[in-house]
Amino acid sequence: MKLGAVVSVLNQHTPPSLSEDWDNTGLLVEPCKKLEVSKILLTNDLTEIVTSEAIQSKAQLVIAYHPPIFSPIKRITQSSAKERILLDCIRHDIAIYSPHSSLDNIQGGLGDWMVTAFNGVGGTHEVSILKPNPLKDTIGAGRRVTFSQKVPLDKCVELIKSFLGLKEVRLALPDLKEGVTQHVIGSVCMCPGSGASVLRGTSGDLYWTGELSHHDVLDAISKGKSVVLCEHSNTERGYLFLYRDALLEMLERKVEIIISKTDKEPLSIV
């Protein structure tokens, strides 16, 4: 497929207009050549090692969930990894596209994916959007799932760990007189990545996201909420497998789509 045709499909699925105001989404790097796209590399973060993987795999397009161009760039030299990545992609005629917060917000995106961690528990679920998009209130940032039957906190934590494939998460608790195993959760507010601006001030018994500041955690537990933090990209990367399947269907399987093998969360618990 021609690059323009691929980008058109991507923009229909994750319109840049539905991204957050602070974001930078859509086609970020367009090579001089009119590309025919036969292989796409999906990644959460476009690092130098992932860029090398894209070059070696002969991908013509990288779809990076996090936009590698975010803050304004005044020059492109060899002085920083971000600049070197852009130069390497331009040199090898690799286009770069980022869906970021548009992919968080759409129906069937990362927000809805996180809700499925609790499938099969808590009776019926009522799902709502924490911050609806002003242009379309059926989409938006963050999700709240409310259970018809409360779920033990330790069960919620185990479900999150299993869903993300993690052995450990960070857990902050309010003063629980009944203890963790007896404490029950009626609702969970969740947001992928860094969730403070979305979760702050929302009603829910448990906050689940990638990262919060120390003071946001203190504020949450002071209000009786528990907090589960999983590190930023651990709450995002697993969605790439669903995203690949959706893209293959939308692109009528005319291109090969591979998921980066070198992309990973930079932080680990040791």
Protein backbone atom coordinates (compact mmCIF):
# COMPACT_ATOMS: atom_id res chain seq x y z
CA MET A 1 0.00 0.00 0.00
CA LYS A 2 1.11 3.54 -0.58
CA LEU A 3 2.08 5.43 2.57
CA GLY A 4 -0.68 7.97 2.01
CA ALA A 5 -3.31 5.23 1.88
CA VAL A 6 -2.00 3.65 5.10
CA VAL A 7 -1.97 7.01 6.89
CA SER A 8 -5.53 7.68 5.73
CA VAL A 9 -6.69 4.43 7.35
CA LEU A 10 -4.75 5.20 10.54
CA ASN A 11 -6.24 8.69 10.74
CA GLN A 12 -9.74 7.30 10.36
CA HIS A 13 -9.13 4.86 13.21
CA THR A 14 -7.33 7.30 15.54
CA PRO A 15 -8.16 10.83 14.36
CA PRO A 16 -5.56 13.34 15.53
CA SER A 17 -8.48 15.68 16.32
CA LEU A 18 -9.50 13.31 19.12
CA SER A 19 -6.08 13.49 20.79
CA GLU A 20 -5.47 15.58 23.89
CA ASP A 21 -4.51 19.24 23.32
CA TRP A 22 -1.01 18.67 24.69
CA ASP A 23 -0.31 15.71 22.39
CA ASN A 24 1.43 15.35 19.02
CA THR A 25 -0.14 12.60 16.93
CA GLY A 26 -0.51 11.51 13.32
CA LEU A 27 2.23 11.29 10.67
CA LEU A 28 5.36 12.77 12.24
CA VAL A 29 8.05 11.85 9.70
CA GLU A 30 7.40 11.57 5.96
CA PRO A 31 10.31 10.46 3.76
CA CYS A 32 11.12 12.26 0.54
CA LYS A 33 10.32 9.16 -1.50
CA LYS A 34 6.71 8.19 -2.17
CA LEU A 35 6.82 5.00 -0.16
CA GLU A 36 5.17 1.69 -0.83
CA VAL A 37 4.55 0.17 2.58
CA SER A 38 4.87 -3.60 2.83
CA LYS A 39 6.04 -3.89 6.46
CA ILE A 40 5.10 -1.94 9.59
CA LEU A 41 6.89 -2.13 12.93
CA LEU A 42 4.73 -1.50 16.01
CA THR A 43 6.41 -0.25 19.17
CA ASN A 44 5.49 1.48 22.38
CA ASP A 45 8.65 3.63 22.43
CA LEU A 46 10.90 4.43 19.50
CA THR A 47 14.34 4.12 21.06
CA GLU A 48 17.66 3.82 19.25
CA ILE A 49 17.65 0.05 19.60
CA VAL A 50 14.09 -0.13 18.22
CA THR A 51 15.15 2.12 15.34
CA SER A 52 17.96 -0.33 14.53
CA GLU A 53 15.40 -3.14 14.62
CA ALA A 54 13.19 -1.23 12.17
CA ILE A 55 16.12 -0.72 9.80
CA GLN A 56 17.23 -4.36 10.01
CA SER A 57 13.68 -5.65 9.51
CA LYS A 58 13.31 -3.39 6.44
CA ALA A 59 10.13 -1.75 7.75
CA GLN A 60 8.95 1.27 5.77
CA LEU A 61 6.75 2.59 8.58
CA VAL A 62 7.09 2.65 12.36
CA ILE A 63 3.94 3.15 14.38
CA ALA A 64 5.19 4.35 17.76
CA TYR A 65 2.52 4.67 20.44
CA HIS A 66 4.51 7.43 22.16
CA PRO A 67 5.34 10.25 19.72
CA PRO A 68 9.12 10.54 19.31
CA ILE A 69 8.59 14.21 18.43
CA PHE A 70 6.85 15.78 21.40
CA SER A 71 8.55 18.96 22.58
CA PRO A 72 9.59 21.44 19.87
CA ILE A 73 12.90 20.61 18.17
CA LYS A 74 15.15 23.53 17.24
CA ARG A 75 17.83 21.51 15.49
CA ILE A 76 18.52 17.95 14.33
CA THR A 77 22.10 16.95 15.11
CA GLN A 78 23.87 13.93 16.56
CA SER A 79 23.79 15.38 20.08
CA SER A 80 20.77 13.48 21.45
CA ALA A 81 19.17 10.08 21.00
CA LYS A 82 15.91 11.62 19.82
CA GLU A 83 17.66 13.58 17.07
CA ARG A 84 19.72 10.55 15.99
CA ILE A 85 16.53 8.47 15.77
CA LEU A 86 14.91 10.98 13.45
CA LEU A 87 18.03 11.21 11.29
CA ASP A 88 18.28 7.43 11.01
CA CYS A 89 14.63 7.11 10.02
CA ILE A 90 14.95 9.87 7.42
CA ARG A 91 18.21 8.36 6.08
CA HIS A 92 16.56 4.95 5.65
CA ASP A 93 13.24 6.27 4.31
CA ILE A 94 11.24 5.12 7.32
CA ALA A 95 8.03 7.00 8.08
CA ILE A 96 6.88 7.51 11.68
CA TYR A 97 3.28 7.66 12.88
CA SER A 98 1.97 8.04 16.43
CA PRO A 99 -1.64 7.52 17.64
CA HIS A 100 -0.93 8.09 21.38
CA SER A 101 -3.83 9.69 23.29
CA SER A 102 -6.27 9.21 20.40
CA LEU A 103 -5.69 5.47 20.80
CA ASP A 104 -6.25 5.82 24.55
CA ASN A 105 -9.55 7.60 24.08
CA ILE A 106 -11.37 5.82 21.26
CA GLN A 107 -13.86 3.01 21.75
CA GLY A 108 -11.93 -0.24 21.84
CA GLY A 109 -8.70 1.60 22.64
CA LEU A 110 -6.38 1.34 25.62
CA GLY A 111 -8.95 2.65 28.10
CA ASP A 112 -11.48 -0.03 27.19
CA TRP A 113 -8.73 -2.66 27.04
CA MET A 114 -7.77 -2.00 30.67
CA VAL A 115 -11.37 -2.58 31.77
CA THR A 116 -11.20 -6.15 30.46
CA ALA A 117 -8.69 -7.02 33.21
CA PHE A 118 -11.73 -7.48 35.46
CA ASN A 119 -13.79 -9.67 33.14
CA GLY A 120 -15.49 -12.47 35.05
CA VAL A 121 -15.46 -10.86 38.50
CA GLY A 122 -17.65 -8.37 40.33
CA GLY A 123 -20.97 -9.34 38.76
CA THR A 124 -22.22 -6.90 36.15
CA HIS A 125 -20.02 -3.95 35.24
CA GLU A 126 -21.00 -0.34 34.69
CA VAL A 127 -18.27 1.38 32.66
CA SER A 128 -17.99 5.16 32.36
CA ILE A 129 -15.49 7.61 30.87
CA LEU A 130 -13.60 9.73 33.40
CA LYS A 131 -12.96 12.68 31.07
CA PRO A 132 -15.26 12.59 28.02
CA ASN A 133 -14.02 14.25 24.85
CA PRO A 134 -15.85 17.57 24.29
CA LEU A 135 -16.32 16.71 20.60
CA LYS A 136 -17.74 13.25 21.24
CA ASP A 137 -18.86 12.16 24.71
CA THR A 138 -18.76 8.43 23.87
CA ILE A 139 -14.96 8.56 23.91
CA GLY A 140 -12.41 10.14 26.20
CA ALA A 141 -9.61 9.64 28.70
CA GLY A 142 -9.67 7.10 31.51
CA ARG A 143 -12.31 4.60 32.53
CA ARG A 144 -14.23 3.75 35.70
CA VAL A 145 -15.61 0.25 36.17
CA THR A 146 -18.19 -0.16 38.92
CA PHE A 147 -18.94 -3.69 40.13
CA SER A 148 -22.41 -4.87 41.15
CA GLN A 149 -20.64 -7.18 43.61
CA LYS A 150 -17.58 -5.86 45.41
CA VAL A 151 -14.25 -7.56 44.76
CA PRO A 152 -11.54 -8.13 47.42
CA LEU A 153 -8.59 -5.76 46.99
CA ASP A 154 -6.05 -8.56 46.87
CA LYS A 155 -8.08 -10.19 44.08
CA CYS A 156 -8.03 -6.90 42.10
CA VAL A 157 -4.26 -6.69 42.48
CA GLU A 158 -3.76 -10.26 41.31
CA LEU A 159 -6.03 -9.67 38.30
CA ILE A 160 -4.00 -6.61 37.30
CA LYS A 161 -0.71 -8.47 37.65
CA SER A 162 -1.98 -11.39 35.60
CA PHE A 163 -3.46 -9.11 32.93
CA LEU A 164 -0.17 -7.25 32.44
CA GLY A 165 2.07 -10.28 32.94
CA LEU A 166 3.84 -8.74 35.94
CA LYS A 167 5.26 -10.43 39.02
CA GLU A 168 5.20 -7.28 41.12
CA VAL A 169 3.34 -3.98 41.19
CA ARG A 170 3.52 -1.03 43.58
CA LEU A 171 0.62 -0.78 46.01
CA ALA A 172 -0.34 2.13 48.26
CA LEU A 173 -3.04 1.70 50.87
CA PRO A 174 -5.12 3.94 53.09
CA ASP A 175 -5.50 2.96 56.74
CA LEU A 176 -7.20 -0.44 56.36
CA LYS A 177 -8.49 -1.64 59.70
CA GLU A 178 -9.80 -4.85 58.11
CA GLY A 179 -6.53 -5.66 56.25
CA VAL A 180 -5.86 -6.10 52.56
CA THR A 181 -7.48 -9.51 52.16
CA GLN A 182 -10.76 -8.36 53.72
CA HIS A 183 -10.89 -4.92 52.07
CA VAL A 184 -13.32 -4.82 49.15
CA ILE A 185 -13.42 -2.66 46.02
CA GLY A 186 -16.62 -1.37 44.49
CA SER A 187 -15.08 0.65 41.66
CA VAL A 188 -11.75 1.06 39.88
CA CYS A 189 -10.60 4.21 38.08
CA MET A 190 -7.89 3.51 35.53
CA CYS A 191 -5.73 5.26 32.96
CA PRO A 192 -2.72 4.00 30.97
CA GLY A 193 0.67 5.62 31.35
CA SER A 194 0.88 8.62 33.66
CA GLY A 195 -2.62 9.00 35.05
CA ALA A 196 -2.53 11.91 37.49
CA SER A 197 -4.32 14.49 35.34
CA VAL A 198 -7.09 12.00 34.53
CA LEU A 199 -7.51 10.25 37.89
CA ARG A 200 -7.06 13.20 40.23
CA GLY A 201 -10.32 13.99 42.02
CA THR A 202 -12.33 11.11 40.52
CA SER A 203 -14.51 8.87 42.66
CA GLY A 204 -13.36 5.28 42.96
CA ASP A 205 -12.07 2.86 45.58
CA LEU A 206 -8.94 1.94 43.60
CA TYR A 207 -6.73 3.94 41.24
CA TRP A 208 -4.81 1.90 38.64
CA THR A 209 -2.24 3.47 36.32
CA GLY A 210 1.43 3.34 35.34
CA GLU A 211 2.81 6.14 37.46
CA LEU A 212 1.74 8.91 39.86
CA SER A 213 3.81 11.45 41.73
CA HIS A 214 4.51 10.87 45.41
CA HIS A 215 2.11 13.66 46.37
CA ASP A 216 -0.68 12.37 44.13
CA VAL A 217 -0.36 8.99 45.84
CA LEU A 218 -0.48 10.63 49.28
CA ASP A 219 -3.55 12.62 48.25
CA ALA A 220 -5.32 9.49 47.01
CA ILE A 221 -4.73 7.39 50.11
CA SER A 222 -5.68 10.33 52.35
CA LYS A 223 -9.11 10.10 50.71
CA GLY A 224 -9.41 6.38 51.41
CA LYS A 225 -8.37 5.12 47.98
CA SER A 226 -5.91 2.35 47.22
CA VAL A 227 -3.40 2.82 44.40
CA VAL A 228 -1.79 0.28 42.06
CA LEU A 229 1.16 1.50 39.97
CA CYS A 230 2.71 -0.73 37.32
CA GLU A 231 5.34 1.56 35.69
CA HIS A 232 4.42 3.72 32.74
CA SER A 233 4.66 1.59 29.63
CA ASN A 234 3.66 -1.68 31.34
CA THR A 235 0.09 -0.37 31.23
CA GLU A 236 0.33 0.21 27.47
CA ARG A 237 2.56 -2.31 25.72
CA GLY A 238 0.24 -5.30 26.00
CA TYR A 239 -2.35 -3.52 23.87
CA LEU A 240 -0.03 -3.64 20.83
CA PHE A 241 -1.15 -7.21 20.11
CA LEU A 242 -4.81 -6.16 19.84
CA TYR A 243 -3.78 -3.07 17.88
CA ARG A 244 -1.86 -5.21 15.37
CA ASP A 245 -4.90 -7.44 14.79
CA ALA A 246 -7.17 -4.42 14.30
CA LEU A 247 -4.73 -2.80 11.87
CA LEU A 248 -4.36 -5.98 9.83
CA GLU A 249 -8.12 -6.05 9.31
CA MET A 250 -8.35 -2.33 8.48
CA LEU A 251 -5.47 -2.59 6.02
CA GLU A 252 -7.02 -5.74 4.49
CA ARG A 253 -3.87 -7.71 5.30
CA LYS A 254 -2.03 -6.02 2.45
CA VAL A 255 0.95 -5.31 4.70
CA GLU A 256 2.97 -7.28 7.23
CA ILE A 257 2.83 -5.91 10.77
CA ILE A 258 5.41 -6.96 13.36
CA ILE A 259 5.69 -6.00 17.01
CA SER A 260 9.08 -4.84 18.24
CA LYS A 261 11.09 -7.44 20.12
CA THR A 262 13.48 -4.88 21.62
CA ASP A 263 10.95 -2.38 23.01
CA LYS A 264 10.61 -2.70 26.78
CA GLU A 265 9.79 -0.83 29.99
CA PRO A 266 13.04 0.87 31.09
CA LEU A 267 12.34 0.47 34.83
CA SER A 268 12.44 -2.82 36.70
CA ILE A 269 12.15 -3.83 40.35
CA VAL A 270 15.40 -5.41 41.60
